């Protein structure tokens, strides 16, 4: 097929190709719904850091993992509960 005859990709095809490239680079897509408390935290962190959703989620999971490895999950969860976050 010559470059003159290439057809334009639909948005769905572009999205599929993007997802395939992300998976090929070792990334995994996660989806979920945020509670109102979590959304409030998300908005505050996003405003302060200017991170996009992917960076924010990746860092949040890495920090939670570090807290778990250091035995701090209980302390952090208690703080969140006490501060209604």
Protein backbone atom coordinates (compact mmCIF):
# COMPACT_ATOMS: atom_id res chain seq x y z
CA UNK A 1 0.00 0.00 0.00
CA UNK A 2 1.47 3.35 -0.94
CA UNK A 3 1.36 6.32 1.40
CA UNK A 4 -1.30 7.86 -0.86
CA UNK A 5 -3.69 4.99 -0.19
CA UNK A 6 -3.31 4.68 3.61
CA UNK A 7 -6.63 4.91 5.37
CA UNK A 8 -7.05 7.00 8.48
CA UNK A 9 -7.33 5.07 11.73
CA UNK A 10 -10.50 5.37 13.77
CA UNK A 11 -10.27 6.58 17.37
CA UNK A 12 -10.93 3.02 18.58
CA UNK A 13 -8.05 1.72 16.47
CA UNK A 14 -5.74 4.46 17.76
CA UNK A 15 -6.71 3.66 21.36
CA UNK A 16 -6.13 -0.04 20.78
CA UNK A 17 -2.68 0.60 19.29
CA UNK A 18 -1.83 2.90 22.23
CA UNK A 19 -2.88 0.22 24.75
CA UNK A 20 -0.85 -2.41 22.89
CA UNK A 21 2.26 -0.19 22.97
CA UNK A 22 1.79 0.43 26.69
CA UNK A 23 1.43 -3.30 27.37
CA UNK A 24 4.48 -4.06 25.23
CA UNK A 25 6.51 -1.64 27.36
CA UNK A 26 5.51 -3.58 30.51
CA UNK A 27 2.73 -1.31 31.74
CA UNK A 28 -0.64 -2.52 33.04
CA UNK A 29 -3.87 -0.55 32.95
CA UNK A 30 -5.87 -0.39 36.19
CA UNK A 31 -9.36 0.96 36.63
CA UNK A 32 -11.52 1.69 39.62
CA UNK A 33 -13.81 4.12 41.31
CA UNK A 34 -12.73 6.54 44.02
CA UNK A 35 -14.64 7.19 47.22
CA UNK A 36 -15.40 10.85 47.93
CA UNK A 37 -12.59 10.86 50.53
CA UNK A 38 -10.09 9.37 48.09
CA UNK A 39 -11.17 11.81 45.36
CA UNK A 40 -10.53 14.72 47.72
CA UNK A 41 -7.03 13.36 48.44
CA UNK A 42 -6.43 12.77 44.73
CA UNK A 43 -7.41 16.33 43.81
CA UNK A 44 -5.18 17.85 46.49
CA UNK A 45 -2.16 15.75 45.48
CA UNK A 46 -2.75 16.38 41.77
CA UNK A 47 -2.92 20.16 42.32
CA UNK A 48 0.30 20.17 44.36
CA UNK A 49 2.33 17.82 42.16
CA UNK A 50 0.83 18.39 38.69
CA UNK A 51 1.19 14.62 38.14
CA UNK A 52 -1.02 12.94 35.54
CA UNK A 53 -3.26 10.02 36.53
CA UNK A 54 -0.72 7.37 35.57
CA UNK A 55 2.12 8.94 37.56
CA UNK A 56 -0.10 9.59 40.55
CA UNK A 57 -1.43 6.02 40.62
CA UNK A 58 2.02 4.48 40.11
CA UNK A 59 3.53 6.55 42.91
CA UNK A 60 0.57 5.90 45.24
CA UNK A 61 0.95 2.15 44.82
CA UNK A 62 4.72 2.30 45.26
CA UNK A 63 4.34 4.38 48.44
CA UNK A 64 1.69 2.00 49.79
CA UNK A 65 4.03 -0.92 49.08
CA UNK A 66 6.88 0.84 50.92
CA UNK A 67 4.57 1.50 53.89
CA UNK A 68 3.59 -2.18 53.89
CA UNK A 69 7.23 -3.33 53.79
CA UNK A 70 8.09 -0.96 56.66
CA UNK A 71 5.13 -2.09 58.76
CA UNK A 72 3.42 1.31 58.57
CA UNK A 73 0.09 0.43 56.91
CA UNK A 74 -1.78 0.26 60.24
CA UNK A 75 -0.46 3.64 61.39
CA UNK A 76 -1.28 5.30 58.06
CA UNK A 77 -4.74 3.75 57.94
CA UNK A 78 -5.44 4.97 61.48
CA UNK A 79 -4.37 8.48 60.52
CA UNK A 80 -6.67 8.44 57.49
CA UNK A 81 -9.59 7.27 59.63
CA UNK A 82 -8.96 9.86 62.37
CA UNK A 83 -8.76 12.67 59.82
CA UNK A 84 -11.76 11.43 57.80
CA UNK A 85 -9.62 11.04 54.68
